C-alpha cells in the first residue's frame, strides 16, 4: 500500500501546483487583454477568444515543469527507481497522463490557429466592410476560414504519412510500402501528424521570436533604465511647436487676403500644417492629462525601482544569451551532425542556466517558479517588441498595439503571435537548458567491471551513479513527453538550431539600436497622426 500512496501523493502535488498556476494564468490573461483592448470597439467574442487563446498557450508551457517533475521524481538521487515507479506499467501510465494533456492542449491550439481565431477575425472584417446580416457575415468569414482548414489538413496528412524510418524490406512492392505507412500511422495513434503540425506552427513562432522577442529583450530593460522625458518639458516644447505651426498657417493664409487663390503647392502645405496642428493640439491635451494623472506621479516615485527592474531584466537577457550561445556552441562542436537535428550526447560545456535548473529541480516547485518566470519574461519582452514595432506584413504596417486603443482584429493578431511565440518557448527553454528539459534531475547506475590484480577486467562489477543523457540505457532514464513530442522530425530541430543563431544576432542589433535611442515620451503611442479626435474620448472619460 505504501507505493500506491506515494505515487498518489507526488502526482497530486505536481498537478495541484499546476492547477494554481492555471488559475493565475487565467487571471493574468484577462487583465492583459483588458488593458490593451479598445474601449470604444470592444467586442465580447474577440475578447473571450483572445483571452482563451493566450491562456491555452501559457497553460501548455506550464505543463512542461510538471512533465519534468514527474519523470525526475520516479528516481532516488542514487539512480534507483522508487518503489512505486519500479514497474514499467506504472511509469507508462504516468507518462501517458502527461501525453494526453499535451494531446488535448495541442489539439485546442490547432483549433484556435486554423479555425476559431481566423473565423472571428474575418467575421469582424466583414462587419466593418458591409452592413449585412450576421448570417451573411458568418458565411463569408467561414468561406475565408476554409483556406486555413485546408492548410491544417495538409500538415496533418504530411505528418501522418512522412516516414521517419524506411520500410524494413527495401525490395518491397509499392502496395507493401503504402501498407507499411498505414501500419505506422495506426501504431503511433496520430502522434506524428499532430507533432508535425505543432512543429510547423513552432517554426512560425520561431520567426516571431526572432523578430519581436529578440528586440523586446533589449528595448524593455533599457526603456525602464532610461525612463521617460519630463512632462513639463514636453508640454513646453509642444506649446512652442503649436505656435510655430500657427504662424506658418497664418503666413500662408495671408497670401489670399486680397482674394487671390492659393497655388496648388500652398494648398497642400496648408492642409499638411492643419493636420499637424490638430495632432499637436491633441498631443497637448494628452500631456495635460498625463501631468495630472496619478499614474505619472506614482511612476516618478517608483523610478528607482524601475531602474533596478531594468538592470535585472538586462542581466536576465544576458544570462539567456550566454546560455543559448554555449548551448549552440556545444551542439556545433559535439553534436551528431546536421542530419540528426544536432542531437548532442551529454553536456560538454557548462551551461549556467542548465546547472541552475538542475540545482533547483529537487526542491519542487522552485524550478516550476523559474520556468514560469522565464515564460512570463518571454511574453513581456515579446509584447514590448510588438508594441514598439507594431504588427507588420513584410513592409506593410497592419496594426498598432496601444493600451486601451487596440481594435478587436489587432487583439486577435496579437494573441496569435503570442500563442506562436509561447509555443516556440518550449524549444527555447530546451536550447537554454537541454539536460533539464530532457531528463530533469534523473540519474542512473552504470555497471563497470572491476579490475583484477593484473589490471584485467574481472567478473565483479561496481555501480557508478551518472547523470542521465542521450547515451543512457532507455530502461534507466525516462525522456520527457515534451522532448519526444517536439523533436520527432530532425529537420525541424536543425532549423531551430540556425534560428537560435539568428535570435542572438537580432538581440545584439536590437541592443545597439536601443542604446542609441533617446528617452521615450511619457505619452508614447497615445497620439498618432492617423488617429481621429473621437479616439480621445477613451482618455477624456
Foldseek 3Di string as FASTA:
>chain_A
DVLVVVVVVQLCVLVVVLVVVLVVLLVVLLVVLQFFAAPVQDDPLLSVLLSVLLSLLLSLLLLLLSLLLVQAQQDDLQQHGDPNNPDPVSVVVVQVVSVVVNVVSLVVNLCSLLPVLQLVLQLVVVVVPDVDDSVVSSVVSVVVSVVSVVVLVVLLVCQQQVDLDADPDPPDDPVVRVVVSVVVSVVVVSLSSSLSSLLVLLLVLLVLCLQQLLLLLQQQLLLLQQDFDDLVVVLVVLVVVLVVLVVVLVVLVVVCPVPDDHDPVSVVVNVVSVLVNVLSVLVNVVSVLLVVDPVNVVCVVCSVVSNVVSVVSNVVVVLLLQLLVQLLVQLVVAAPDLQQLSAHWDRDDDQVVQVVLLVCSVVPPPSSVVSSVVLVSSLSSSVSRCQVVPDDDVPRHDFHGDTNRGHSSSSSVSSSNSSSNSSNVLVSVCSSHVLCSFFNNRKHWDWDFDADPVRHGDPDTDTDIDGDTPPDDPVSTPTRPVCCSNPSRSNSSSSVSVSSVSSSVSSVVSNVVSVPDHHHHPCPPVGDSPDDPVSCVSVVD
